Amino acid sequence: QVQLVESGGGLVQPGGSLRLSCAASGSIFSINVMGWYRQTPGKERELVARIISGGNTNYADSVKGRFTISRDNAKNTVYLQMNSLKPEDTAVYYCNFQGVARWTPFDSWGQGTQVTVSS
C-alpha cells in the first residue's frame, strides 16, 4: 500500500508564494507520474500540473508561468512551487502518484491540503 502525505498549504495574500510537498511511502518499485490537482466546492477536481518519469511536465493554462512542479526521485517526493498566487487559486490541493509497488500498479492520492489566497 502506498501512502502519500502532503504539506505546505496555508493562507497567503494575493501575489504571495507557497510551496507544497508530497512524499510517498511504501514498497515502491517505481513512480511513473506525479501530479497535483485541485478542487473547489461544487466543481470537479482539475489537473494543475504533472511530471512524468522522463521529466516532461504539463501545466493547466491557468497556472503556466506561475507554478513549477519538480520531483526528487530519491525521496519519492513531488513539489509544487506556487508564485504570484491569485484568489482563484484557492482550493484544496491533492497530490497523485501512479506507479508500481509490490509488482502491482498503484494510483494513490494524498489527503489534500487547503490553499487560501486572500487579503
Protein backbone atom coordinates (compact mmCIF):
# COMPACT_ATOMS: atom_id res chain seq x y z
CA GLN A 1 0.00 0.00 0.00
CA VAL A 2 1.37 3.38 -1.00
CA GLN A 3 0.59 6.34 1.21
CA LEU A 4 1.02 9.99 0.31
CA VAL A 5 1.48 12.77 2.85
CA GLU A 6 1.10 16.38 1.80
CA SER A 7 2.34 19.53 3.48
CA GLY A 8 2.77 23.22 2.81
CA GLY A 9 -0.74 24.59 2.41
CA GLY A 10 -2.00 27.66 4.22
CA LEU A 11 -3.21 31.23 3.96
CA VAL A 12 -1.33 33.66 1.75
CA GLN A 13 -2.00 37.12 0.38
CA PRO A 14 -2.51 37.70 -3.34
CA GLY A 15 0.85 37.86 -5.08
CA GLY A 16 2.45 35.66 -2.47
CA SER A 17 4.07 32.24 -2.74
CA LEU A 18 3.64 28.79 -1.26
CA ARG A 19 5.44 25.51 -1.75
CA LEU A 20 3.56 22.24 -1.48
CA SER A 21 5.26 18.92 -0.86
CA CYS A 22 4.00 15.36 -1.19
CA ALA A 23 6.01 12.36 -0.05
CA ALA A 24 5.21 8.72 -0.75
CA SER A 25 5.91 5.76 1.49
CA GLY A 26 5.51 2.03 0.98
CA SER A 27 7.11 -0.74 -1.04
CA ILE A 28 7.51 1.34 -4.16
CA PHE A 29 9.29 -0.05 -7.18
CA SER A 30 8.76 2.90 -9.49
CA ILE A 31 6.74 6.10 -9.78
CA ASN A 32 5.86 6.99 -13.34
CA VAL A 33 3.65 10.03 -12.88
CA MET A 34 3.46 12.59 -10.09
CA GLY A 35 0.79 15.22 -10.23
CA TRP A 36 -1.05 17.95 -8.41
CA TYR A 37 -4.80 18.50 -8.69
CA ARG A 38 -7.12 20.98 -7.01
CA GLN A 39 -10.78 21.13 -6.19
CA THR A 40 -13.22 23.79 -5.02
CA PRO A 41 -16.73 23.16 -3.66
CA GLY A 42 -19.19 22.19 -6.35
CA LYS A 43 -16.53 21.72 -9.01
CA GLU A 44 -14.71 18.70 -10.37
CA ARG A 45 -11.12 18.05 -9.42
CA GLU A 46 -8.82 19.53 -12.05
CA LEU A 47 -5.23 18.90 -13.05
CA VAL A 48 -2.83 21.64 -12.00
CA ALA A 49 0.49 20.11 -13.04
CA ARG A 50 2.13 16.76 -13.52
CA ILE A 51 5.58 15.41 -14.16
CA ILE A 52 6.40 12.05 -15.68
CA SER A 53 9.42 9.84 -15.11
CA GLY A 54 11.33 11.26 -18.07
CA GLY A 55 10.98 14.76 -16.68
CA ASN A 56 8.32 16.08 -19.04
CA THR A 57 5.80 18.39 -17.43
CA ASN A 58 2.26 19.53 -18.13
CA TYR A 59 0.50 22.55 -16.64
CA ALA A 60 -3.01 23.88 -16.63
CA ASP A 61 -3.18 27.05 -18.71
CA SER A 62 -4.30 29.00 -15.66
CA VAL A 63 -1.03 28.34 -13.79
CA LYS A 64 1.54 28.39 -16.58
CA GLY A 65 4.37 30.77 -15.79
CA ARG A 66 3.41 30.94 -12.10
CA PHE A 67 3.62 27.35 -10.82
CA THR A 68 6.52 24.93 -11.12
CA ILE A 69 6.37 21.21 -10.45
CA SER A 70 9.51 19.27 -9.57
CA ARG A 71 10.37 15.86 -8.17
CA ASP A 72 13.04 14.25 -6.02
CA ASN A 73 13.16 10.62 -7.07
CA ALA A 74 15.46 9.61 -4.22
CA LYS A 75 12.89 10.87 -1.71
CA ASN A 76 9.77 9.82 -3.67
CA THR A 77 8.64 13.41 -3.29
CA VAL A 78 6.99 15.93 -5.57
CA TYR A 79 6.88 19.67 -5.04
CA LEU A 80 4.67 22.44 -6.35
CA GLN A 81 6.15 25.93 -6.15
CA MET A 82 3.31 28.42 -6.47
CA ASN A 83 4.18 32.05 -7.14
CA SER A 84 2.09 35.11 -7.91
CA LEU A 85 -0.89 33.47 -6.26
CA LYS A 86 -4.37 34.72 -7.07
CA PRO A 87 -7.63 34.40 -5.15
CA GLU A 88 -8.86 31.99 -7.82
CA ASP A 89 -6.06 29.60 -6.85
CA THR A 90 -7.89 28.99 -3.58
CA ALA A 91 -8.72 25.29 -3.40
CA VAL A 92 -7.88 22.01 -1.75
CA TYR A 93 -4.78 20.66 -3.46
CA TYR A 94 -4.26 16.92 -3.85
CA CYS A 95 -1.19 15.04 -5.00
CA ASN A 96 -1.45 11.91 -7.11
CA PHE A 97 1.18 9.27 -7.80
CA GLN A 98 0.96 6.45 -10.34
CA GLY A 99 3.49 3.66 -10.46
CA VAL A 100 4.31 0.12 -9.41
CA ALA A 101 4.53 -1.26 -5.87
CA ARG A 102 4.96 -4.94 -4.93
CA TRP A 103 4.73 -5.77 -8.66
CA THR A 104 1.28 -4.19 -8.80
CA PRO A 105 0.28 -0.88 -10.41
CA PHE A 106 -0.94 1.75 -7.99
CA ASP A 107 -2.77 5.06 -8.29
CA SER A 108 -2.70 6.87 -4.94
CA TRP A 109 -3.97 10.21 -3.67
CA GLY A 110 -2.91 12.44 -0.83
CA GLN A 111 -5.32 13.63 1.83
CA GLY A 112 -5.49 17.16 0.47
CA THR A 113 -4.13 20.44 1.75
CA GLN A 114 -6.02 23.72 1.82
CA VAL A 115 -4.57 26.71 -0.01
CA THR A 116 -6.34 30.02 0.60
CA VAL A 117 -5.34 33.18 -1.22
CA SER A 118 -6.94 36.19 0.39
CA SER A 119 -6.10 39.64 1.69
